[in-house]
Amino acid sequence: MHEEPRYKKIVLTVVLVLGFLLIYLGLTDSGFEAVLRKATFICLECIGIG
């Protein structure tokens, strides 16, 4: 049978770890709160409530 190259598993692991690290850093930075607040205000203005 065909065997997967070893580097694919290493690359996949590195990408997953970096992805989780960036998500964690983004959540702890509180930047998402500002984006959520702005998005909420924009949506309320479009509806005509705000």
C-alpha atoms as a PDB file:
ATOM      1  CA  MET A   1       0.000   0.000   0.000  1.00  0.00           C
ATOM      2  CA  HIS A   2       0.877   3.664  -0.219  1.00  0.00           C
ATOM      3  CA  GLU A   3       2.367   5.171   2.925  1.00  0.00           C
ATOM      4  CA  GLU A   4       1.904   8.872   3.773  1.00  0.00           C
ATOM      5  CA  PRO A   5       5.078  10.925   4.027  1.00  0.00           C
ATOM      6  CA  ARG A   6       6.103  11.707   7.594  1.00  0.00           C
ATOM      7  CA  TYR A   7       6.346  15.455   6.954  1.00  0.00           C
ATOM      8  CA  LYS A   8       2.605  15.676   6.334  1.00  0.00           C
ATOM      9  CA  LYS A   9       1.858  14.714   9.926  1.00  0.00           C
ATOM     10  CA  ILE A  10       4.441  17.185  11.204  1.00  0.00           C
ATOM     11  CA  VAL A  11       3.055  20.018   9.060  1.00  0.00           C
ATOM     12  CA  LEU A  12      -0.511  19.197  10.110  1.00  0.00           C
ATOM     13  CA  THR A  13       0.473  19.227  13.777  1.00  0.00           C
ATOM     14  CA  VAL A  14       2.307  22.546  13.454  1.00  0.00           C
ATOM     15  CA  VAL A  15      -0.611  24.158  11.622  1.00  0.00           C
ATOM     16  CA  LEU A  16      -3.113  22.926  14.219  1.00  0.00           C
ATOM     17  CA  VAL A  17      -0.995  24.116  17.141  1.00  0.00           C
ATOM     18  CA  LEU A  18      -0.465  27.527  15.522  1.00  0.00           C
ATOM     19  CA  GLY A  19      -4.185  27.782  14.784  1.00  0.00           C
ATOM     20  CA  PHE A  20      -5.163  27.066  18.382  1.00  0.00           C
ATOM     21  CA  LEU A  21      -2.476  29.443  19.645  1.00  0.00           C
ATOM     22  CA  LEU A  22      -3.721  32.276  17.431  1.00  0.00           C
ATOM     23  CA  ILE A  23      -7.340  31.656  18.453  1.00  0.00           C
ATOM     24  CA  TYR A  24      -6.315  31.711  22.122  1.00  0.00           C
ATOM     25  CA  LEU A  25      -4.321  34.926  21.671  1.00  0.00           C
ATOM     26  CA  GLY A  26      -7.227  36.534  19.836  1.00  0.00           C
ATOM     27  CA  LEU A  27      -9.712  35.643  22.553  1.00  0.00           C
ATOM     28  CA  THR A  28      -7.488  36.835  25.381  1.00  0.00           C
ATOM     29  CA  ASP A  29      -6.699  40.112  23.580  1.00  0.00           C
ATOM     30  CA  SER A  30     -10.319  41.345  23.965  1.00  0.00           C
ATOM     31  CA  GLY A  31     -10.226  42.588  20.390  1.00  0.00           C
ATOM     32  CA  PHE A  32     -13.243  40.481  19.554  1.00  0.00           C
ATOM     33  CA  GLU A  33     -15.358  42.555  21.949  1.00  0.00           C
ATOM     34  CA  ALA A  34     -14.683  45.734  19.975  1.00  0.00           C
ATOM     35  CA  VAL A  35     -15.472  44.000  16.689  1.00  0.00           C
ATOM     36  CA  LEU A  36     -18.678  42.512  18.100  1.00  0.00           C
ATOM     37  CA  ARG A  37     -19.749  45.893  19.497  1.00  0.00           C
ATOM     38  CA  LYS A  38     -19.140  47.642  16.150  1.00  0.00           C
ATOM     39  CA  ALA A  39     -20.951  44.909  14.233  1.00  0.00           C
ATOM     40  CA  THR A  40     -23.926  45.155  16.589  1.00  0.00           C
ATOM     41  CA  PHE A  41     -24.147  48.929  16.165  1.00  0.00           C
ATOM     42  CA  ILE A  42     -23.929  48.626  12.370  1.00  0.00           C
ATOM     43  CA  CYS A  43     -26.696  46.012  12.309  1.00  0.00           C
ATOM     44  CA  LEU A  44     -28.933  48.051  14.594  1.00  0.00           C
ATOM     45  CA  GLU A  45     -28.411  51.136  12.418  1.00  0.00           C
ATOM     46  CA  CYS A  46     -29.314  49.183   9.286  1.00  0.00           C
ATOM     47  CA  ILE A  47     -32.519  47.931  10.886  1.00  0.00           C
ATOM     48  CA  GLY A  48     -33.282  51.411  12.133  1.00  0.00           C
ATOM     49  CA  ILE A  49     -33.351  50.691  15.833  1.00  0.00           C
ATOM     50  CA  GLY A  50     -30.119  52.438  16.867  1.00  0.00           C
END
